[in-house]
């Protein structure tokens, strides 16, 4: 009974963190905030699901699951490092947040050059 409660709590907590991270990625305005939401919240979300999976394997299948442990350690080691690298690139480019596209402008996220994405100007009528 207690192990079922532990598995349920870790899965629900992981799901909530994953949802909050995804929602933050879509709704936050600043690129640094958009990067912070998925790297922190979804790392905890996937970690919670993997902990629940490890507890289930130990309780019901009778063995410790090394795969989930390795995935958790890899995720906890790489997501913050990747976020740090992305933040350093953002800072070194000295790009103003107002120059970057906001949420909902997915077509503009791949480039900082706005000249390619300007609407065509009308030609003067002769």
Protein backbone atom coordinates (compact mmCIF):
# COMPACT_ATOMS: atom_id res chain seq x y z
CA UNK A 1 0.00 0.00 0.00
CA UNK A 2 2.77 2.45 0.87
CA UNK A 3 4.78 1.62 -2.25
CA UNK A 4 1.66 2.22 -4.38
CA UNK A 5 1.25 5.62 -2.73
CA UNK A 6 4.93 6.43 -3.36
CA UNK A 7 4.63 5.43 -7.03
CA UNK A 8 1.43 7.45 -7.45
CA UNK A 9 2.85 10.55 -5.78
CA UNK A 10 6.02 10.48 -7.87
CA UNK A 11 4.06 10.00 -11.12
CA UNK A 12 1.57 12.78 -10.34
CA UNK A 13 4.34 15.12 -9.21
CA UNK A 14 6.32 14.36 -12.36
CA UNK A 15 3.27 15.02 -14.50
CA UNK A 16 2.58 18.35 -12.80
CA UNK A 17 6.19 19.48 -13.23
CA UNK A 18 6.14 18.42 -16.88
CA UNK A 19 2.91 20.33 -17.50
CA UNK A 20 4.19 23.46 -15.78
CA UNK A 21 7.44 23.33 -17.77
CA UNK A 22 5.60 22.93 -21.06
CA UNK A 23 3.18 25.70 -20.21
CA UNK A 24 6.07 27.99 -19.23
CA UNK A 25 7.84 27.30 -22.51
CA UNK A 26 4.78 28.44 -24.43
CA UNK A 27 3.67 31.40 -22.32
CA UNK A 28 6.77 33.13 -20.96
CA UNK A 29 7.86 36.18 -22.89
CA UNK A 30 11.59 36.42 -22.31
CA UNK A 31 13.85 33.89 -24.08
CA UNK A 32 15.80 33.29 -20.89
CA UNK A 33 12.57 32.55 -19.05
CA UNK A 34 11.47 30.25 -21.87
CA UNK A 35 14.72 28.35 -21.49
CA UNK A 36 14.42 28.18 -17.70
CA UNK A 37 10.96 26.59 -17.68
CA UNK A 38 11.71 23.38 -19.59
CA UNK A 39 15.21 22.83 -18.24
CA UNK A 40 14.16 23.05 -14.61
CA UNK A 41 10.56 21.91 -14.47
CA UNK A 42 10.61 19.15 -17.04
CA UNK A 43 13.86 17.79 -15.63
CA UNK A 44 12.03 17.34 -12.34
CA UNK A 45 9.00 15.98 -14.20
CA UNK A 46 10.89 13.28 -16.06
CA UNK A 47 12.85 12.55 -12.90
CA UNK A 48 9.61 11.98 -10.97
CA UNK A 49 8.29 9.59 -13.61
CA UNK A 50 11.56 7.68 -13.68
CA UNK A 51 11.63 7.42 -9.88
CA UNK A 52 8.10 6.02 -9.99
CA UNK A 53 9.22 3.53 -12.63
CA UNK A 54 12.21 2.47 -10.51
CA UNK A 55 9.98 1.99 -7.46
CA UNK A 56 7.54 -0.10 -9.51
CA UNK A 57 10.34 -2.31 -10.86
CA UNK A 58 11.73 -2.84 -7.37
CA UNK A 59 8.36 -3.53 -5.71
CA UNK A 60 6.54 -5.59 -8.34
CA UNK A 61 9.21 -7.11 -10.55
CA UNK A 62 11.72 -7.77 -7.78
CA UNK A 63 14.80 -6.16 -9.33
CA UNK A 64 16.49 -2.81 -9.32
CA UNK A 65 16.23 -1.04 -12.66
CA UNK A 66 19.55 0.42 -13.74
CA UNK A 67 18.17 1.88 -16.97
CA UNK A 68 15.92 4.38 -15.22
CA UNK A 69 18.70 5.33 -12.82
CA UNK A 70 21.12 5.99 -15.68
CA UNK A 71 18.53 8.02 -17.59
CA UNK A 72 17.81 10.11 -14.48
CA UNK A 73 21.49 10.77 -13.85
CA UNK A 74 22.09 11.64 -17.51
CA UNK A 75 19.14 14.01 -17.57
CA UNK A 76 20.10 15.71 -14.31
CA UNK A 77 23.65 16.15 -15.62
CA UNK A 78 22.96 17.37 -19.15
CA UNK A 79 19.88 19.62 -18.93
CA UNK A 80 21.44 22.27 -16.63
CA UNK A 81 24.69 22.24 -18.63
CA UNK A 82 22.80 22.72 -21.88
CA UNK A 83 20.79 25.58 -20.36
CA UNK A 84 24.02 27.19 -19.18
CA UNK A 85 25.54 26.99 -22.67
CA UNK A 86 22.42 28.47 -24.26
CA UNK A 87 22.39 31.30 -21.71
CA UNK A 88 26.04 32.10 -22.41
CA UNK A 89 25.38 32.25 -26.15
CA UNK A 90 22.41 34.53 -25.54
CA UNK A 91 24.49 36.83 -23.32
CA UNK A 92 27.47 36.87 -25.71
CA UNK A 93 25.29 37.81 -28.65
CA UNK A 94 24.08 40.83 -26.68
CA UNK A 95 20.69 40.49 -28.25
CA UNK A 96 17.99 42.63 -26.68
CA UNK A 97 14.91 40.66 -25.65
CA UNK A 98 12.76 43.11 -27.63
CA UNK A 99 14.61 42.09 -30.83
CA UNK A 100 13.65 38.43 -30.42
CA UNK A 101 10.30 37.01 -31.48
CA UNK A 102 7.71 36.53 -28.78
CA UNK A 103 5.52 33.54 -28.09
CA UNK A 104 3.35 32.56 -31.03
CA UNK A 105 5.87 33.69 -33.65
CA UNK A 106 7.29 30.21 -34.24
CA UNK A 107 8.37 31.01 -37.80
CA UNK A 108 10.76 33.66 -36.48
CA UNK A 109 12.41 31.57 -33.76
CA UNK A 110 15.07 30.12 -36.06
CA UNK A 111 16.75 33.41 -36.92
CA UNK A 112 17.44 36.86 -35.53
CA UNK A 113 17.47 38.42 -38.98
CA UNK A 114 14.08 40.08 -39.33
CA UNK A 115 14.70 41.28 -42.87
CA UNK A 116 13.85 37.88 -44.34
CA UNK A 117 10.53 37.77 -42.55
CA UNK A 118 9.20 41.25 -43.31
CA UNK A 119 5.92 41.30 -45.18
CA UNK A 120 6.37 42.27 -48.80
CA UNK A 121 5.93 45.95 -49.48
CA UNK A 122 3.44 47.02 -52.05
CA UNK A 123 4.78 48.20 -55.38
CA UNK A 124 3.69 51.69 -56.42
CA UNK A 125 1.05 51.62 -59.10
CA UNK A 126 2.06 53.23 -62.35
